[in-house]
Amino acid sequence: MMPNSVGLQNELRRRHRTAILVVAGFLILDVALVAIAFFAADRIFRPGDPSIVMGLWIAVLVSGLGAFVIRRTKFAAMRLQDVAAVKGVSGLLKTLQGTTIQIACIGGAIALMGFVIAILLGDWTNMLRAGGVSAIVLVYCFPFRSAWERVVMQLARED
């Protein structure tokens, strides 16, 4: 990104702000679900099949690990170079934003699965565990603007 490129600076600012709002929204959802499970675990308890709970824990594990794999794969240097070469800097920013939002959605899904587990078992600590996994995924995908700017500047220089 060239310093005088105001349009690209604005697009970077806009896409970064959108990504931060989505990640922050899912973090707030995570905290809200933990609070609801803590204060209302006995009122929301609905006994269910234990195999569903085990399946949800497996889904939490796979989703958590999958979020790390997706981020490492989609943010690989060679892939980002290819995206910048084919789609330009605007496409690169769209990729950064889209991948961040996808991983944030996985984090939100983990929190929701934890809430369902808490409902099925009536124990709020299950939501706390899943909420912790969700928070780790959301913090891991948190978009730092300086990193986005550095990637855009390095790849724009190569063009």
Protein backbone atom coordinates (compact mmCIF):
# COMPACT_ATOMS: atom_id res chain seq x y z
CA MET A 1 0.00 0.00 0.00
CA MET A 2 1.46 3.30 -1.02
CA PRO A 3 1.41 6.03 1.64
CA ASN A 4 -0.59 8.38 -0.61
CA SER A 5 -3.17 5.75 -1.41
CA VAL A 6 -6.06 7.18 0.60
CA GLY A 7 -8.59 4.82 -0.93
CA LEU A 8 -6.65 1.75 0.17
CA GLN A 9 -6.07 3.23 3.62
CA ASN A 10 -9.82 3.80 3.97
CA GLU A 11 -10.60 0.29 2.77
CA LEU A 12 -8.08 -1.15 5.23
CA ARG A 13 -9.58 0.89 8.05
CA ARG A 14 -13.14 -0.14 7.11
CA ARG A 15 -12.43 -3.85 6.70
CA HIS A 16 -10.32 -3.95 9.87
CA ARG A 17 -13.05 -2.20 11.88
CA THR A 18 -15.65 -4.68 10.60
CA ALA A 19 -13.45 -7.64 11.54
CA ILE A 20 -12.83 -6.22 15.03
CA LEU A 21 -16.54 -5.63 15.59
CA VAL A 22 -17.37 -9.21 14.65
CA VAL A 23 -14.67 -10.67 16.90
CA ALA A 24 -15.68 -8.37 19.77
CA GLY A 25 -19.33 -9.29 19.27
CA PHE A 26 -18.53 -12.97 19.59
CA LEU A 27 -16.41 -12.31 22.68
CA ILE A 28 -19.35 -10.49 24.24
CA LEU A 29 -21.62 -13.41 23.27
CA ASP A 30 -19.16 -15.77 24.93
CA VAL A 31 -19.15 -13.80 28.19
CA ALA A 32 -22.94 -13.43 28.12
CA LEU A 33 -23.46 -17.17 27.66
CA VAL A 34 -21.09 -17.95 30.54
CA ALA A 35 -22.99 -15.47 32.74
CA ILE A 36 -26.37 -16.92 31.77
CA ALA A 37 -25.14 -20.46 32.44
CA PHE A 38 -23.71 -19.39 35.81
CA PHE A 39 -26.80 -17.59 37.04
CA ALA A 40 -29.50 -19.79 35.49
CA ALA A 41 -28.00 -23.28 35.13
CA ASP A 42 -30.69 -24.85 37.31
CA ARG A 43 -33.54 -23.10 35.46
CA ILE A 44 -32.35 -23.91 31.94
CA PHE A 45 -31.49 -27.55 32.70
CA ARG A 46 -33.13 -29.93 30.24
CA PRO A 47 -31.85 -33.50 30.59
CA GLY A 48 -30.78 -35.08 27.36
CA ASP A 49 -29.00 -38.02 25.84
CA PRO A 50 -25.39 -38.31 27.11
CA SER A 51 -24.20 -39.31 23.64
CA ILE A 52 -25.26 -35.87 22.37
CA VAL A 53 -23.08 -34.25 25.02
CA MET A 54 -20.09 -36.39 24.04
CA GLY A 55 -20.68 -35.54 20.39
CA LEU A 56 -20.78 -31.85 21.22
CA TRP A 57 -17.49 -32.07 23.14
CA ILE A 58 -15.90 -33.78 20.15
CA ALA A 59 -17.29 -31.03 17.91
CA VAL A 60 -15.83 -28.39 20.26
CA LEU A 61 -12.43 -30.07 20.06
CA VAL A 62 -12.49 -30.47 16.28
CA SER A 63 -13.76 -26.92 15.77
CA GLY A 64 -11.12 -25.45 18.06
CA LEU A 65 -8.30 -27.28 16.32
CA GLY A 66 -9.84 -26.59 12.93
CA ALA A 67 -9.86 -22.85 13.59
CA PHE A 68 -6.10 -22.91 14.11
CA VAL A 69 -5.57 -24.96 10.96
CA ILE A 70 -7.79 -22.70 8.85
CA ARG A 71 -6.02 -19.57 10.03
CA ARG A 72 -2.55 -21.03 9.46
CA THR A 73 -3.58 -22.24 6.00
CA LYS A 74 -5.40 -19.13 4.81
CA PHE A 75 -2.80 -16.72 6.20
CA ALA A 76 0.18 -18.60 4.77
CA ALA A 77 2.62 -16.21 3.11
CA MET A 78 2.55 -17.96 -0.28
CA ARG A 79 -1.25 -17.99 -0.35
CA LEU A 80 -1.47 -14.30 0.53
CA GLN A 81 1.08 -13.52 -2.21
CA ASP A 82 -1.06 -15.40 -4.71
CA VAL A 83 -4.22 -13.59 -3.59
CA ALA A 84 -2.46 -10.21 -3.86
CA ALA A 85 -1.12 -11.09 -7.32
CA VAL A 86 -4.46 -12.27 -8.67
CA LYS A 87 -6.97 -10.02 -6.91
CA GLY A 88 -4.86 -7.04 -5.91
CA VAL A 89 -4.63 -5.32 -2.55
CA SER A 90 -8.40 -4.99 -2.30
CA GLY A 91 -8.77 -8.76 -2.68
CA LEU A 92 -6.07 -9.27 -0.09
CA LEU A 93 -7.93 -7.10 2.41
CA LYS A 94 -11.15 -8.95 1.63
CA THR A 95 -9.37 -12.25 2.28
CA LEU A 96 -7.97 -11.02 5.60
CA GLN A 97 -11.40 -9.80 6.68
CA GLY A 98 -13.26 -12.89 5.48
CA THR A 99 -10.90 -15.35 7.13
CA THR A 100 -11.00 -13.44 10.41
CA ILE A 101 -14.81 -13.44 10.37
CA GLN A 102 -14.94 -17.16 9.51
CA ILE A 103 -12.72 -18.06 12.44
CA ALA A 104 -14.70 -15.76 14.74
CA CYS A 105 -17.86 -17.59 13.68
CA ILE A 106 -16.21 -20.88 14.61
CA GLY A 107 -15.43 -19.38 18.03
CA GLY A 108 -19.05 -18.31 18.40
CA ALA A 109 -20.24 -21.78 17.43
CA ILE A 110 -17.99 -23.29 20.09
CA ALA A 111 -19.57 -21.00 22.69
CA LEU A 112 -23.06 -22.03 21.56
CA MET A 113 -22.15 -25.72 21.72
CA GLY A 114 -20.89 -25.17 25.24
CA PHE A 115 -24.15 -23.50 26.17
CA VAL A 116 -26.11 -26.46 24.82
CA ILE A 117 -23.89 -28.80 26.86
CA ALA A 118 -24.60 -26.68 29.96
CA ILE A 119 -28.33 -26.91 29.25
CA LEU A 120 -28.21 -30.69 28.78
CA LEU A 121 -26.12 -31.35 31.89
CA GLY A 122 -27.24 -28.49 34.14
CA ASP A 123 -23.63 -27.73 35.08
CA TRP A 124 -22.38 -24.23 34.27
CA THR A 125 -18.73 -25.29 34.43
CA ASN A 126 -19.16 -27.05 31.10
CA MET A 127 -20.04 -23.69 29.57
CA LEU A 128 -16.99 -22.22 31.28
CA ARG A 129 -14.73 -24.82 29.65
CA ALA A 130 -16.24 -24.36 26.20
CA GLY A 131 -16.25 -20.59 26.72
CA GLY A 132 -12.54 -20.78 27.45
CA VAL A 133 -11.92 -22.66 24.21
CA SER A 134 -14.06 -20.12 22.38
CA ALA A 135 -12.18 -17.21 23.95
CA ILE A 136 -8.83 -18.75 22.95
CA VAL A 137 -10.01 -19.10 19.34
CA LEU A 138 -11.36 -15.53 19.31
CA VAL A 139 -8.18 -14.05 20.80
CA TYR A 140 -6.11 -16.08 18.35
CA CYS A 141 -8.01 -14.66 15.38
CA PHE A 142 -8.06 -11.08 16.71
CA PRO A 143 -7.01 -8.80 13.84
CA PHE A 144 -4.14 -6.47 14.63
CA ARG A 145 -4.13 -3.51 12.31
CA SER A 146 -0.35 -3.21 12.30
CA ALA A 147 -0.08 -6.80 11.05
CA TRP A 148 -2.60 -6.15 8.28
CA GLU A 149 -0.74 -2.97 7.25
CA ARG A 150 2.59 -4.80 7.26
CA VAL A 151 1.21 -7.59 5.04
CA VAL A 152 -0.36 -5.12 2.64
CA MET A 153 2.81 -3.00 2.41
CA GLN A 154 5.07 -6.02 1.83
CA LEU A 155 2.84 -7.50 -0.84
CA ALA A 156 2.10 -4.16 -2.53
CA ARG A 157 5.85 -3.56 -2.86
CA GLU A 158 6.27 -6.82 -4.72
CA ASP A 159 3.73 -5.83 -7.40
